[in-house]
Amino acid sequence: MPPHVKRPLTGRRRGRVVENDEYAAFLARALRAYAARVGKGDIDAIAGMAAIAAEADTAMRTAVAGLRTAGYSWADIGDRLGITRQAAQQRWRDKTTTRPPGGESAPGTEQEGALS
């Protein structure tokens, strides 16, 4: 907080939410417009579109990891996306988590049971 701000007056103020449904809708419109530009013959922009797709994939992995850390199950995530919990788990689980032979979780890794 800047030094000139009176803490007793602003200490309980909630942070302003910038990312909302309107923001998401704007991003979707911008992406569709970019795709239309590429589709009309701007072949040089296809590399930029691929970079955007990779960034979106990274953002989705970050979001899913955050939801899992917050306690949401694979079923919760899959339900919101219209896919099964298994599909969500297969697509976004941490690929660095390995299981030793025999199917037991490696020490310090999450047990991916039927109820998660």
N, C-alpha and C. Protein backbone atom coordinates (compact mmCIF):
# COMPACT_ATOMS: atom_id res chain seq x y z
N MET A 1 0.84 -1.17 0.00
CA MET A 1 0.00 0.00 0.00
C MET A 1 0.90 1.24 0.00
N PRO A 2 0.58 2.24 -0.82
CA PRO A 2 1.39 3.45 -0.85
C PRO A 2 1.41 4.15 0.51
N PRO A 3 2.50 4.85 0.83
CA PRO A 3 2.63 5.47 2.15
C PRO A 3 1.60 6.56 2.43
N HIS A 4 1.04 7.20 1.41
CA HIS A 4 0.08 8.27 1.64
C HIS A 4 -1.35 7.77 1.90
N VAL A 5 -1.58 6.48 1.78
CA VAL A 5 -2.91 5.90 2.00
C VAL A 5 -3.12 5.65 3.48
N LYS A 6 -4.28 6.06 3.99
CA LYS A 6 -4.60 5.87 5.40
C LYS A 6 -5.06 4.43 5.61
N ARG A 7 -4.21 3.64 6.22
CA ARG A 7 -4.48 2.21 6.40
C ARG A 7 -5.78 1.93 7.15
N PRO A 8 -6.11 2.65 8.23
CA PRO A 8 -7.36 2.33 8.93
C PRO A 8 -8.59 2.48 8.05
N LEU A 9 -8.53 3.34 7.05
CA LEU A 9 -9.69 3.55 6.19
C LEU A 9 -9.78 2.56 5.03
N THR A 10 -8.66 2.01 4.64
CA THR A 10 -8.65 1.13 3.46
C THR A 10 -8.23 -0.29 3.75
N GLY A 11 -7.87 -0.60 4.97
CA GLY A 11 -7.36 -1.93 5.30
C GLY A 11 -8.33 -3.05 5.06
N ARG A 12 -9.63 -2.78 5.19
CA ARG A 12 -10.63 -3.84 5.02
C ARG A 12 -11.26 -3.86 3.64
N ARG A 13 -10.83 -2.99 2.77
CA ARG A 13 -11.39 -2.91 1.43
C ARG A 13 -10.99 -4.14 0.62
N ARG A 14 -11.97 -4.73 -0.04
CA ARG A 14 -11.68 -5.89 -0.87
C ARG A 14 -10.99 -5.44 -2.15
N GLY A 15 -10.13 -6.31 -2.66
CA GLY A 15 -9.46 -6.02 -3.94
C GLY A 15 -10.46 -6.00 -5.07
N ARG A 16 -10.23 -5.15 -6.04
CA ARG A 16 -11.12 -5.03 -7.18
C ARG A 16 -10.93 -6.21 -8.12
N VAL A 17 -12.01 -6.86 -8.49
CA VAL A 17 -11.95 -7.99 -9.41
C VAL A 17 -11.94 -7.44 -10.83
N VAL A 18 -10.90 -7.77 -11.56
CA VAL A 18 -10.77 -7.29 -12.93
C VAL A 18 -11.22 -8.38 -13.90
N GLU A 19 -10.83 -9.61 -13.62
CA GLU A 19 -11.17 -10.71 -14.50
C GLU A 19 -12.57 -11.21 -14.14
N ASN A 20 -13.51 -10.97 -15.01
CA ASN A 20 -14.89 -11.39 -14.78
C ASN A 20 -15.45 -12.01 -16.06
N ASP A 21 -16.73 -12.30 -16.06
CA ASP A 21 -17.33 -12.94 -17.24
C ASP A 21 -17.24 -12.06 -18.48
N GLU A 22 -17.36 -10.73 -18.32
CA GLU A 22 -17.24 -9.84 -19.47
C GLU A 22 -15.83 -9.87 -20.04
N TYR A 23 -14.86 -9.97 -19.16
CA TYR A 23 -13.46 -10.05 -19.59
C TYR A 23 -13.23 -11.33 -20.38
N ALA A 24 -13.76 -12.43 -19.90
CA ALA A 24 -13.63 -13.71 -20.60
C ALA A 24 -14.31 -13.65 -21.96
N ALA A 25 -15.47 -13.01 -22.03
CA ALA A 25 -16.18 -12.88 -23.31
C ALA A 25 -15.36 -12.03 -24.29
N PHE A 26 -14.73 -10.97 -23.78
CA PHE A 26 -13.87 -10.15 -24.63
C PHE A 26 -12.72 -10.96 -25.21
N LEU A 27 -12.07 -11.77 -24.34
CA LEU A 27 -10.96 -12.60 -24.81
C LEU A 27 -11.42 -13.57 -25.90
N ALA A 28 -12.60 -14.16 -25.72
CA ALA A 28 -13.12 -15.09 -26.71
C ALA A 28 -13.38 -14.37 -28.04
N ARG A 29 -13.95 -13.15 -27.98
CA ARG A 29 -14.20 -12.39 -29.21
C ARG A 29 -12.88 -12.04 -29.92
N ALA A 30 -11.89 -11.63 -29.14
CA ALA A 30 -10.60 -11.27 -29.72
C ALA A 30 -9.95 -12.48 -30.40
N LEU A 31 -10.06 -13.63 -29.77
CA LEU A 31 -9.48 -14.84 -30.35
C LEU A 31 -10.19 -15.23 -31.64
N ARG A 32 -11.52 -15.12 -31.65
CA ARG A 32 -12.27 -15.43 -32.88
C ARG A 32 -11.89 -14.46 -34.00
N ALA A 33 -11.71 -13.19 -33.67
CA ALA A 33 -11.33 -12.20 -34.68
C ALA A 33 -9.93 -12.51 -35.23
N TYR A 34 -9.02 -12.91 -34.35
CA TYR A 34 -7.67 -13.25 -34.79
C TYR A 34 -7.70 -14.47 -35.70
N ALA A 35 -8.51 -15.45 -35.34
CA ALA A 35 -8.64 -16.66 -36.16
C ALA A 35 -9.22 -16.31 -37.53
N ALA A 36 -10.18 -15.40 -37.56
CA ALA A 36 -10.77 -14.99 -38.84
C ALA A 36 -9.73 -14.30 -39.71
N ARG A 37 -8.88 -13.48 -39.08
CA ARG A 37 -7.80 -12.80 -39.83
C ARG A 37 -6.85 -13.82 -40.45
N VAL A 38 -6.46 -14.82 -39.66
CA VAL A 38 -5.57 -15.86 -40.17
C VAL A 38 -6.28 -16.63 -41.29
N GLY A 39 -7.54 -16.97 -41.05
CA GLY A 39 -8.31 -17.74 -42.02
C GLY A 39 -8.53 -17.03 -43.34
N LYS A 40 -8.43 -15.70 -43.35
CA LYS A 40 -8.62 -14.95 -44.59
C LYS A 40 -7.32 -14.78 -45.37
N GLY A 41 -6.26 -15.46 -44.91
CA GLY A 41 -5.04 -15.48 -45.70
C GLY A 41 -3.81 -14.88 -45.05
N ASP A 42 -3.87 -14.47 -43.81
CA ASP A 42 -2.68 -13.92 -43.14
C ASP A 42 -1.86 -15.07 -42.58
N ILE A 43 -1.17 -15.76 -43.46
CA ILE A 43 -0.42 -16.96 -43.07
C ILE A 43 0.69 -16.65 -42.07
N ASP A 44 1.25 -15.46 -42.13
CA ASP A 44 2.32 -15.10 -41.19
C ASP A 44 1.82 -15.05 -39.75
N ALA A 45 0.53 -14.86 -39.55
CA ALA A 45 -0.03 -14.77 -38.21
C ALA A 45 -0.31 -16.14 -37.59
N ILE A 46 -0.17 -17.22 -38.35
CA ILE A 46 -0.47 -18.55 -37.81
C ILE A 46 0.48 -18.92 -36.68
N ALA A 47 1.73 -18.47 -36.74
CA ALA A 47 2.68 -18.76 -35.65
C ALA A 47 2.23 -18.05 -34.38
N GLY A 48 1.74 -16.84 -34.50
CA GLY A 48 1.21 -16.12 -33.34
C GLY A 48 0.00 -16.82 -32.75
N MET A 49 -0.82 -17.36 -33.61
CA MET A 49 -2.00 -18.09 -33.15
C MET A 49 -1.59 -19.35 -32.40
N ALA A 50 -0.56 -20.03 -32.88
CA ALA A 50 -0.06 -21.23 -32.19
C ALA A 50 0.50 -20.85 -30.82
N ALA A 51 1.17 -19.71 -30.73
CA ALA A 51 1.70 -19.26 -29.45
C ALA A 51 0.57 -18.95 -28.47
N ILE A 52 -0.51 -18.37 -28.97
CA ILE A 52 -1.68 -18.08 -28.12
C ILE A 52 -2.29 -19.39 -27.63
N ALA A 53 -2.39 -20.39 -28.50
CA ALA A 53 -2.94 -21.68 -28.10
C ALA A 53 -2.08 -22.32 -27.01
N ALA A 54 -0.76 -22.23 -27.15
CA ALA A 54 0.13 -22.79 -26.13
C ALA A 54 -0.02 -22.05 -24.81
N GLU A 55 -0.16 -20.74 -24.88
CA GLU A 55 -0.35 -19.93 -23.66
C GLU A 55 -1.68 -20.28 -22.99
N ALA A 56 -2.72 -20.49 -23.79
CA ALA A 56 -4.03 -20.87 -23.24
C ALA A 56 -3.93 -22.24 -22.55
N ASP A 57 -3.20 -23.17 -23.14
CA ASP A 57 -3.03 -24.49 -22.53
C ASP A 57 -2.29 -24.38 -21.20
N THR A 58 -1.24 -23.56 -21.17
CA THR A 58 -0.50 -23.35 -19.93
C THR A 58 -1.39 -22.70 -18.87
N ALA A 59 -2.19 -21.73 -19.28
CA ALA A 59 -3.09 -21.06 -18.34
C ALA A 59 -4.13 -22.04 -17.79
N MET A 60 -4.63 -22.93 -18.64
CA MET A 60 -5.61 -23.93 -18.19
C MET A 60 -4.98 -24.88 -17.19
N ARG A 61 -3.76 -25.33 -17.45
CA ARG A 61 -3.06 -26.21 -16.50
C ARG A 61 -2.86 -25.51 -15.16
N THR A 62 -2.50 -24.24 -15.20
CA THR A 62 -2.31 -23.47 -13.97
C THR A 62 -3.63 -23.34 -13.21
N ALA A 63 -4.71 -23.07 -13.94
CA ALA A 63 -6.02 -22.94 -13.31
C ALA A 63 -6.47 -24.25 -12.66
N VAL A 64 -6.31 -25.34 -13.39
CA VAL A 64 -6.71 -26.65 -12.86
C VAL A 64 -5.86 -27.02 -11.64
N ALA A 65 -4.56 -26.77 -11.72
CA ALA A 65 -3.69 -27.05 -10.56
C ALA A 65 -4.13 -26.23 -9.36
N GLY A 66 -4.50 -24.98 -9.58
CA GLY A 66 -4.99 -24.14 -8.49
C GLY A 66 -6.28 -24.66 -7.90
N LEU A 67 -7.19 -25.10 -8.75
CA LEU A 67 -8.45 -25.67 -8.26
C LEU A 67 -8.20 -26.93 -7.44
N ARG A 68 -7.29 -27.78 -7.92
CA ARG A 68 -6.97 -29.00 -7.17
C ARG A 68 -6.35 -28.66 -5.82
N THR A 69 -5.46 -27.67 -5.80
CA THR A 69 -4.85 -27.24 -4.55
C THR A 69 -5.90 -26.68 -3.59
N ALA A 70 -6.90 -26.02 -4.15
CA ALA A 70 -7.99 -25.45 -3.34
C ALA A 70 -8.96 -26.51 -2.84
N GLY A 71 -8.78 -27.76 -3.27
CA GLY A 71 -9.60 -28.85 -2.77
C GLY A 71 -10.69 -29.36 -3.70
N TYR A 72 -10.77 -28.83 -4.90
CA TYR A 72 -11.78 -29.31 -5.84
C TYR A 72 -11.36 -30.66 -6.40
N SER A 73 -12.33 -31.53 -6.58
CA SER A 73 -12.06 -32.88 -7.09
C SER A 73 -12.03 -32.86 -8.61
N TRP A 74 -11.52 -33.96 -9.16
CA TRP A 74 -11.55 -34.11 -10.61
C TRP A 74 -12.99 -34.13 -11.11
N ALA A 75 -13.90 -34.68 -10.32
CA ALA A 75 -15.31 -34.71 -10.70
C ALA A 75 -15.87 -33.29 -10.76
N ASP A 76 -15.52 -32.44 -9.78
CA ASP A 76 -15.96 -31.04 -9.78
C ASP A 76 -15.50 -30.34 -11.06
N ILE A 77 -14.24 -30.52 -11.40
CA ILE A 77 -13.65 -29.86 -12.56
C ILE A 77 -14.28 -30.40 -13.84
N GLY A 78 -14.35 -31.72 -13.95
CA GLY A 78 -14.95 -32.33 -15.14
C GLY A 78 -16.39 -31.92 -15.34
N ASP A 79 -17.15 -31.85 -14.25
CA ASP A 79 -18.56 -31.47 -14.33
C ASP A 79 -18.71 -30.07 -14.91
N ARG A 80 -17.88 -29.13 -14.48
CA ARG A 80 -17.96 -27.75 -14.98
C ARG A 80 -17.57 -27.66 -16.45
N LEU A 81 -16.76 -28.60 -16.91
CA LEU A 81 -16.29 -28.59 -18.29
C LEU A 81 -17.09 -29.50 -19.21
N GLY A 82 -18.04 -30.23 -18.63
CA GLY A 82 -18.86 -31.13 -19.44
C GLY A 82 -18.13 -32.39 -19.88
N ILE A 83 -17.15 -32.81 -19.08
CA ILE A 83 -16.40 -34.02 -19.37
C ILE A 83 -16.38 -34.89 -18.12
N THR A 84 -15.94 -36.12 -18.26
CA THR A 84 -15.87 -37.00 -17.10
C THR A 84 -14.68 -36.62 -16.23
N ARG A 85 -14.72 -37.08 -14.98
CA ARG A 85 -13.58 -36.83 -14.08
C ARG A 85 -12.33 -37.50 -14.62
N GLN A 86 -12.52 -38.67 -15.23
CA GLN A 86 -11.37 -39.39 -15.78
C GLN A 86 -10.73 -38.59 -16.92
N ALA A 87 -11.56 -38.00 -17.77
CA ALA A 87 -11.04 -37.21 -18.89
C ALA A 87 -10.28 -35.99 -18.37
N ALA A 88 -10.83 -35.33 -17.35
CA ALA A 88 -10.14 -34.17 -16.77
C ALA A 88 -8.82 -34.59 -16.15
N GLN A 89 -8.84 -35.68 -15.44
CA GLN A 89 -7.62 -36.17 -14.78
C GLN A 89 -6.56 -36.55 -15.81
N GLN A 90 -6.96 -37.24 -16.86
CA GLN A 90 -6.01 -37.65 -17.89
C GLN A 90 -5.41 -36.45 -18.61
N ARG A 91 -6.20 -35.43 -18.80
CA ARG A 91 -5.72 -34.28 -19.55
C ARG A 91 -4.85 -33.35 -18.72
N TRP A 92 -5.22 -33.13 -17.45
CA TRP A 92 -4.56 -32.08 -16.68
C TRP A 92 -3.80 -32.53 -15.44
N ARG A 93 -3.77 -33.80 -15.14
CA ARG A 93 -3.02 -34.19 -13.95
C ARG A 93 -1.55 -33.85 -14.15
N ASP A 94 -0.85 -33.72 -13.05
CA ASP A 94 0.57 -33.39 -13.08
C ASP A 94 1.32 -34.55 -13.70
N LYS A 95 1.90 -34.34 -14.85
CA LYS A 95 2.59 -35.40 -15.58
C LYS A 95 3.89 -35.82 -14.89
N THR A 96 4.35 -35.03 -13.92
CA THR A 96 5.59 -35.40 -13.23
C THR A 96 5.33 -36.37 -12.09
N THR A 97 4.04 -36.55 -11.73
CA THR A 97 3.71 -37.51 -10.68
C THR A 97 3.78 -38.91 -11.26
N THR A 98 4.61 -39.74 -10.67
CA THR A 98 4.77 -41.10 -11.19
C THR A 98 4.38 -42.10 -10.12
N ARG A 99 4.06 -43.28 -10.55
CA ARG A 99 3.74 -44.37 -9.64
C ARG A 99 4.78 -45.47 -9.84
N PRO A 100 5.26 -46.02 -8.76
CA PRO A 100 6.19 -47.14 -8.89
C PRO A 100 5.43 -48.39 -9.33
N PRO A 101 6.13 -49.42 -9.80
CA PRO A 101 5.44 -50.66 -10.17
C PRO A 101 4.60 -51.17 -9.00
N GLY A 102 3.44 -51.70 -9.28
CA GLY A 102 2.55 -52.18 -8.24
C GLY A 102 1.40 -51.22 -7.99
N GLY A 103 1.46 -50.00 -8.54
CA GLY A 103 0.35 -49.08 -8.48
C GLY A 103 0.27 -48.19 -7.27
N GLU A 104 1.15 -48.34 -6.29
CA GLU A 104 1.09 -47.47 -5.12
C GLU A 104 1.72 -46.14 -5.46
N SER A 105 1.23 -45.08 -4.79
CA SER A 105 1.78 -43.76 -5.04
C SER A 105 3.19 -43.66 -4.53
N ALA A 106 4.01 -42.94 -5.27
CA ALA A 106 5.36 -42.67 -4.83
C ALA A 106 5.29 -41.78 -3.59
N PRO A 107 6.26 -41.86 -2.69
CA PRO A 107 6.24 -41.01 -1.51
C PRO A 107 6.11 -39.54 -1.89
N GLY A 108 5.18 -38.85 -1.20
CA GLY A 108 5.00 -37.43 -1.43
C GLY A 108 4.12 -37.08 -2.61
N THR A 109 3.51 -38.10 -3.25
CA THR A 109 2.62 -37.80 -4.38
C THR A 109 1.20 -38.11 -3.98
N GLU A 110 0.29 -37.55 -4.74
CA GLU A 110 -1.13 -37.72 -4.44
C GLU A 110 -1.61 -39.10 -4.84
N GLN A 111 -2.45 -39.68 -4.02
CA GLN A 111 -3.11 -40.94 -4.36
C GLN A 111 -4.30 -40.60 -5.24
N GLU A 112 -4.32 -41.11 -6.46
CA GLU A 112 -5.40 -40.82 -7.40
C GLU A 112 -6.43 -41.93 -7.32
N GLY A 113 -7.21 -41.94 -6.27
CA GLY A 113 -8.21 -42.98 -6.07
C GLY A 113 -9.47 -42.74 -6.85
N ALA A 114 -10.37 -43.68 -6.76
CA ALA A 114 -11.63 -43.62 -7.52
C ALA A 114 -12.50 -42.47 -7.07
N LEU A 115 -12.34 -41.98 -5.85
CA LEU A 115 -13.21 -40.92 -5.36
C LEU A 115 -12.65 -39.53 -5.58
N SER A 116 -11.46 -39.39 -6.09
CA SER A 116 -10.92 -38.03 -6.27
C SER A 116 -11.37 -37.41 -7.55
